[in-house]
């Protein structure tokens, strides 16, 4: 058998083909999603906050109904953090750090929050305006669930049953530090 020496032209073509294939792989939607921090299914940011749509939701070990239920949520509107996507399933984490998979149809994009769930006692002030010196309109206990109306990166306008006002953004679980929410 006679072997042909590799020519410069052959090396150039081989190199070009390799670079072309790498460029195609990097331009794929999956590669873009992973690089940009967005979900491969929804193209929405990952991680991101959402809330539970129903008052009875099974949290599963994996992304299918064949996986064991590890927890049952019984609190509609509870804020959760979506950390991954797989087909119609979303991997979520709650304020306690519990993680698992739920069907996307059981989640809502409605923004809610928990008042300082890391605190075990005490109260936090809810102000009439986004200012520490503004009048206090309510005192909220840790773990109170609130509807997040908007945040400017420092203060959030929240409301709930019997209260409406502003709280420092750093005192809420369900919004990221300095995240604007409309």
C-alpha atoms as a PDB file:
ATOM      1  CA  UNK A   1       0.000   0.000   0.000  1.00  0.00           C
ATOM      2  CA  UNK A   2       1.379   3.400  -0.926  1.00  0.00           C
ATOM      3  CA  UNK A   3       0.883   6.237   1.550  1.00  0.00           C
ATOM      4  CA  UNK A   4       0.535   9.753   0.290  1.00  0.00           C
ATOM      5  CA  UNK A   5       2.287  12.481   2.280  1.00  0.00           C
ATOM      6  CA  UNK A   6      -0.045  15.006   3.900  1.00  0.00           C
ATOM      7  CA  UNK A   7       0.091  18.160   1.868  1.00  0.00           C
ATOM      8  CA  UNK A   8      -0.220  21.672   3.165  1.00  0.00           C
ATOM      9  CA  UNK A   9      -3.481  22.019   1.288  1.00  0.00           C
ATOM     10  CA  UNK A  10      -4.816  18.895   2.995  1.00  0.00           C
ATOM     11  CA  UNK A  11      -3.821  20.260   6.395  1.00  0.00           C
ATOM     12  CA  UNK A  12      -5.495  23.599   5.638  1.00  0.00           C
ATOM     13  CA  UNK A  13      -8.704  21.893   4.533  1.00  0.00           C
ATOM     14  CA  UNK A  14      -8.677  19.657   7.613  1.00  0.00           C
ATOM     15  CA  UNK A  15      -8.068  22.640   9.914  1.00  0.00           C
ATOM     16  CA  UNK A  16     -10.786  24.688   8.238  1.00  0.00           C
ATOM     17  CA  UNK A  17     -13.257  21.814   8.552  1.00  0.00           C
ATOM     18  CA  UNK A  18     -12.465  21.424  12.290  1.00  0.00           C
ATOM     19  CA  UNK A  19     -12.938  25.160  12.947  1.00  0.00           C
ATOM     20  CA  UNK A  20     -16.169  25.152  10.920  1.00  0.00           C
ATOM     21  CA  UNK A  21     -17.572  22.217  12.956  1.00  0.00           C
ATOM     22  CA  UNK A  22     -16.642  23.903  16.260  1.00  0.00           C
ATOM     23  CA  UNK A  23     -18.306  27.135  15.133  1.00  0.00           C
ATOM     24  CA  UNK A  24     -21.508  25.245  14.282  1.00  0.00           C
ATOM     25  CA  UNK A  25     -21.515  23.535  17.681  1.00  0.00           C
ATOM     26  CA  UNK A  26     -20.990  26.825  19.530  1.00  0.00           C
ATOM     27  CA  UNK A  27     -23.784  28.470  17.525  1.00  0.00           C
ATOM     28  CA  UNK A  28     -26.322  25.784  18.458  1.00  0.00           C
ATOM     29  CA  UNK A  29     -29.248  26.848  20.693  1.00  0.00           C
ATOM     30  CA  UNK A  30     -28.136  24.503  23.493  1.00  0.00           C
ATOM     31  CA  UNK A  31     -24.630  25.959  23.544  1.00  0.00           C
ATOM     32  CA  UNK A  32     -25.999  29.507  23.467  1.00  0.00           C
ATOM     33  CA  UNK A  33     -28.411  28.739  26.321  1.00  0.00           C
ATOM     34  CA  UNK A  34     -25.692  27.232  28.480  1.00  0.00           C
ATOM     35  CA  UNK A  35     -23.333  30.097  27.760  1.00  0.00           C
ATOM     36  CA  UNK A  36     -25.868  32.872  28.355  1.00  0.00           C
ATOM     37  CA  UNK A  37     -27.426  31.363  31.502  1.00  0.00           C
ATOM     38  CA  UNK A  38     -30.825  30.728  29.958  1.00  0.00           C
ATOM     39  CA  UNK A  39     -33.023  27.673  29.964  1.00  0.00           C
ATOM     40  CA  UNK A  40     -32.699  25.377  26.957  1.00  0.00           C
ATOM     41  CA  UNK A  41     -36.497  24.964  26.784  1.00  0.00           C
ATOM     42  CA  UNK A  42     -37.850  28.456  27.512  1.00  0.00           C
ATOM     43  CA  UNK A  43     -34.853  30.689  26.764  1.00  0.00           C
ATOM     44  CA  UNK A  44     -35.665  32.456  30.050  1.00  0.00           C
ATOM     45  CA  UNK A  45     -32.885  33.251  32.547  1.00  0.00           C
ATOM     46  CA  UNK A  46     -31.602  30.510  34.841  1.00  0.00           C
ATOM     47  CA  UNK A  47     -31.815  30.663  37.731  1.00  0.00           C
ATOM     48  CA  UNK A  48     -34.988  32.732  38.093  1.00  0.00           C
ATOM     49  CA  UNK A  49     -37.738  33.146  40.663  1.00  0.00           C
ATOM     50  CA  UNK A  50     -41.345  32.078  40.124  1.00  0.00           C
ATOM     51  CA  UNK A  51     -44.134  30.832  42.411  1.00  0.00           C
ATOM     52  CA  UNK A  52     -46.307  27.775  42.945  1.00  0.00           C
ATOM     53  CA  UNK A  53     -49.618  27.967  41.080  1.00  0.00           C
ATOM     54  CA  UNK A  54     -51.528  25.411  43.162  1.00  0.00           C
ATOM     55  CA  UNK A  55     -51.904  24.555  46.841  1.00  0.00           C
ATOM     56  CA  UNK A  56     -50.965  20.896  46.276  1.00  0.00           C
ATOM     57  CA  UNK A  57     -47.819  20.197  44.259  1.00  0.00           C
ATOM     58  CA  UNK A  58     -45.659  17.077  44.296  1.00  0.00           C
ATOM     59  CA  UNK A  59     -41.906  17.653  44.343  1.00  0.00           C
ATOM     60  CA  UNK A  60     -40.180  14.714  42.647  1.00  0.00           C
ATOM     61  CA  UNK A  61     -36.667  13.259  42.711  1.00  0.00           C
ATOM     62  CA  UNK A  62     -36.365  13.475  38.916  1.00  0.00           C
ATOM     63  CA  UNK A  63     -38.102  14.922  35.864  1.00  0.00           C
ATOM     64  CA  UNK A  64     -40.926  12.415  35.350  1.00  0.00           C
ATOM     65  CA  UNK A  65     -43.984  11.076  37.153  1.00  0.00           C
ATOM     66  CA  UNK A  66     -42.112   7.785  37.511  1.00  0.00           C
ATOM     67  CA  UNK A  67     -39.800   9.413  40.062  1.00  0.00           C
ATOM     68  CA  UNK A  68     -40.626   9.253  43.754  1.00  0.00           C
ATOM     69  CA  UNK A  69     -42.452  12.187  45.402  1.00  0.00           C
ATOM     70  CA  UNK A  70     -40.104  13.610  48.023  1.00  0.00           C
ATOM     71  CA  UNK A  71     -42.262  16.497  49.253  1.00  0.00           C
ATOM     72  CA  UNK A  72     -45.790  17.847  48.836  1.00  0.00           C
ATOM     73  CA  UNK A  73     -46.192  21.622  48.830  1.00  0.00           C
ATOM     74  CA  UNK A  74     -49.500  22.867  50.220  1.00  0.00           C
ATOM     75  CA  UNK A  75     -49.044  26.618  49.883  1.00  0.00           C
ATOM     76  CA  UNK A  76     -50.170  28.350  46.697  1.00  0.00           C
ATOM     77  CA  UNK A  77     -48.061  31.361  45.773  1.00  0.00           C
ATOM     78  CA  UNK A  78     -44.956  30.125  47.577  1.00  0.00           C
ATOM     79  CA  UNK A  79     -41.865  31.615  45.926  1.00  0.00           C
ATOM     80  CA  UNK A  80     -39.448  29.124  44.391  1.00  0.00           C
ATOM     81  CA  UNK A  81     -36.263  29.380  42.361  1.00  0.00           C
ATOM     82  CA  UNK A  82     -36.105  27.556  39.016  1.00  0.00           C
ATOM     83  CA  UNK A  83     -32.576  26.185  38.581  1.00  0.00           C
ATOM     84  CA  UNK A  84     -32.910  23.856  35.554  1.00  0.00           C
ATOM     85  CA  UNK A  85     -35.263  22.824  32.745  1.00  0.00           C
ATOM     86  CA  UNK A  86     -35.883  19.474  31.091  1.00  0.00           C
ATOM     87  CA  UNK A  87     -38.743  19.192  28.580  1.00  0.00           C
ATOM     88  CA  UNK A  88     -41.911  20.034  30.591  1.00  0.00           C
ATOM     89  CA  UNK A  89     -40.149  19.734  33.966  1.00  0.00           C
ATOM     90  CA  UNK A  90     -38.465  22.394  36.078  1.00  0.00           C
ATOM     91  CA  UNK A  91     -35.932  21.790  38.836  1.00  0.00           C
ATOM     92  CA  UNK A  92     -36.810  24.090  41.729  1.00  0.00           C
ATOM     93  CA  UNK A  93     -35.406  25.110  45.100  1.00  0.00           C
ATOM     94  CA  UNK A  94     -37.413  26.564  47.973  1.00  0.00           C
ATOM     95  CA  UNK A  95     -36.300  28.975  50.713  1.00  0.00           C
ATOM     96  CA  UNK A  96     -35.220  26.048  52.921  1.00  0.00           C
ATOM     97  CA  UNK A  97     -32.935  24.739  50.167  1.00  0.00           C
ATOM     98  CA  UNK A  98     -35.111  21.716  49.338  1.00  0.00           C
ATOM     99  CA  UNK A  99     -34.703  20.804  45.652  1.00  0.00           C
ATOM    100  CA  UNK A 100     -36.599  18.631  43.208  1.00  0.00           C
ATOM    101  CA  UNK A 101     -38.612  18.571  39.984  1.00  0.00           C
ATOM    102  CA  UNK A 102     -42.161  19.783  39.215  1.00  0.00           C
ATOM    103  CA  UNK A 103     -44.216  20.079  36.036  1.00  0.00           C
ATOM    104  CA  UNK A 104     -43.938  23.530  34.468  1.00  0.00           C
ATOM    105  CA  UNK A 105     -47.728  23.885  34.334  1.00  0.00           C
ATOM    106  CA  UNK A 106     -47.812  23.973  38.156  1.00  0.00           C
ATOM    107  CA  UNK A 107     -45.636  27.103  38.272  1.00  0.00           C
ATOM    108  CA  UNK A 108     -46.531  30.744  37.781  1.00  0.00           C
ATOM    109  CA  UNK A 109     -44.412  33.684  36.678  1.00  0.00           C
ATOM    110  CA  UNK A 110     -46.183  35.782  39.330  1.00  0.00           C
ATOM    111  CA  UNK A 111     -43.556  37.182  41.701  1.00  0.00           C
ATOM    112  CA  UNK A 112     -43.998  36.532  45.384  1.00  0.00           C
ATOM    113  CA  UNK A 113     -41.598  36.611  48.296  1.00  0.00           C
ATOM    114  CA  UNK A 114     -41.043  35.495  51.867  1.00  0.00           C
ATOM    115  CA  UNK A 115     -40.070  38.028  54.494  1.00  0.00           C
ATOM    116  CA  UNK A 116     -36.655  37.062  55.914  1.00  0.00           C
ATOM    117  CA  UNK A 117     -37.226  33.279  56.213  1.00  0.00           C
ATOM    118  CA  UNK A 118     -33.701  32.986  57.669  1.00  0.00           C
ATOM    119  CA  UNK A 119     -34.866  34.849  60.806  1.00  0.00           C
ATOM    120  CA  UNK A 120     -36.510  32.767  63.504  1.00  0.00           C
ATOM    121  CA  UNK A 121     -38.022  35.581  65.564  1.00  0.00           C
ATOM    122  CA  UNK A 122     -38.527  39.328  65.579  1.00  0.00           C
ATOM    123  CA  UNK A 123     -40.365  41.586  63.139  1.00  0.00           C
ATOM    124  CA  UNK A 124     -39.471  43.737  60.146  1.00  0.00           C
ATOM    125  CA  UNK A 125     -40.831  47.148  59.290  1.00  0.00           C
ATOM    126  CA  UNK A 126     -42.973  47.809  56.245  1.00  0.00           C
ATOM    127  CA  UNK A 127     -42.776  51.497  55.278  1.00  0.00           C
ATOM    128  CA  UNK A 128     -45.232  53.816  53.510  1.00  0.00           C
ATOM    129  CA  UNK A 129     -42.464  54.873  51.087  1.00  0.00           C
ATOM    130  CA  UNK A 130     -39.120  53.463  49.946  1.00  0.00           C
ATOM    131  CA  UNK A 131     -37.292  55.246  52.758  1.00  0.00           C
ATOM    132  CA  UNK A 132     -36.121  54.129  56.227  1.00  0.00           C
ATOM    133  CA  UNK A 133     -37.517  57.369  57.699  1.00  0.00           C
ATOM    134  CA  UNK A 134     -40.984  56.931  56.134  1.00  0.00           C
ATOM    135  CA  UNK A 135     -43.830  56.013  58.474  1.00  0.00           C
ATOM    136  CA  UNK A 136     -44.117  52.328  59.378  1.00  0.00           C
ATOM    137  CA  UNK A 137     -47.414  50.902  58.079  1.00  0.00           C
ATOM    138  CA  UNK A 138     -46.991  47.317  59.368  1.00  0.00           C
ATOM    139  CA  UNK A 139     -44.653  45.009  61.253  1.00  0.00           C
ATOM    140  CA  UNK A 140     -44.108  41.710  59.441  1.00  0.00           C
ATOM    141  CA  UNK A 141     -42.942  38.478  61.005  1.00  0.00           C
ATOM    142  CA  UNK A 142     -40.388  36.226  59.322  1.00  0.00           C
ATOM    143  CA  UNK A 143     -41.829  33.875  56.664  1.00  0.00           C
ATOM    144  CA  UNK A 144     -44.828  36.071  55.838  1.00  0.00           C
ATOM    145  CA  UNK A 145     -45.712  35.526  52.183  1.00  0.00           C
ATOM    146  CA  UNK A 146     -46.021  38.715  50.123  1.00  0.00           C
ATOM    147  CA  UNK A 147     -46.939  39.671  46.562  1.00  0.00           C
ATOM    148  CA  UNK A 148     -44.025  41.520  44.967  1.00  0.00           C
ATOM    149  CA  UNK A 149     -45.394  44.456  42.969  1.00  0.00           C
ATOM    150  CA  UNK A 150     -42.067  46.022  41.971  1.00  0.00           C
ATOM    151  CA  UNK A 151     -38.460  46.389  43.097  1.00  0.00           C
ATOM    152  CA  UNK A 152     -35.896  49.045  42.211  1.00  0.00           C
ATOM    153  CA  UNK A 153     -32.839  47.084  43.346  1.00  0.00           C
ATOM    154  CA  UNK A 154     -32.960  48.408  46.914  1.00  0.00           C
ATOM    155  CA  UNK A 155     -36.630  48.532  47.938  1.00  0.00           C
ATOM    156  CA  UNK A 156     -39.629  46.387  46.989  1.00  0.00           C
ATOM    157  CA  UNK A 157     -43.281  47.377  46.991  1.00  0.00           C
ATOM    158  CA  UNK A 158     -45.178  44.410  48.458  1.00  0.00           C
ATOM    159  CA  UNK A 159     -48.662  43.680  49.659  1.00  0.00           C
ATOM    160  CA  UNK A 160     -50.641  40.953  51.297  1.00  0.00           C
ATOM    161  CA  UNK A 161     -53.746  40.447  53.341  1.00  0.00           C
ATOM    162  CA  UNK A 162     -54.125  43.677  55.322  1.00  0.00           C
ATOM    163  CA  UNK A 163     -50.849  45.398  54.351  1.00  0.00           C
ATOM    164  CA  UNK A 164     -49.245  47.330  51.501  1.00  0.00           C
ATOM    165  CA  UNK A 165     -45.901  49.107  51.577  1.00  0.00           C
ATOM    166  CA  UNK A 166     -42.150  49.019  51.028  1.00  0.00           C
ATOM    167  CA  UNK A 167     -39.502  46.707  52.450  1.00  0.00           C
ATOM    168  CA  UNK A 168     -35.755  46.597  51.867  1.00  0.00           C
ATOM    169  CA  UNK A 169     -35.073  44.173  49.013  1.00  0.00           C
ATOM    170  CA  UNK A 170     -32.365  42.355  51.002  1.00  0.00           C
ATOM    171  CA  UNK A 171     -35.035  41.280  53.511  1.00  0.00           C
ATOM    172  CA  UNK A 172     -37.002  39.243  50.950  1.00  0.00           C
ATOM    173  CA  UNK A 173     -36.456  35.734  49.620  1.00  0.00           C
ATOM    174  CA  UNK A 174     -37.904  35.587  46.116  1.00  0.00           C
ATOM    175  CA  UNK A 175     -35.974  38.449  44.517  1.00  0.00           C
ATOM    176  CA  UNK A 176     -32.272  38.677  43.773  1.00  0.00           C
ATOM    177  CA  UNK A 177     -30.098  41.423  45.279  1.00  0.00           C
ATOM    178  CA  UNK A 178     -30.304  44.550  43.140  1.00  0.00           C
ATOM    179  CA  UNK A 179     -32.763  42.862  40.726  1.00  0.00           C
ATOM    180  CA  UNK A 180     -35.296  45.267  39.231  1.00  0.00           C
ATOM    181  CA  UNK A 181     -38.830  43.806  39.162  1.00  0.00           C
ATOM    182  CA  UNK A 182     -41.642  45.435  37.174  1.00  0.00           C
END
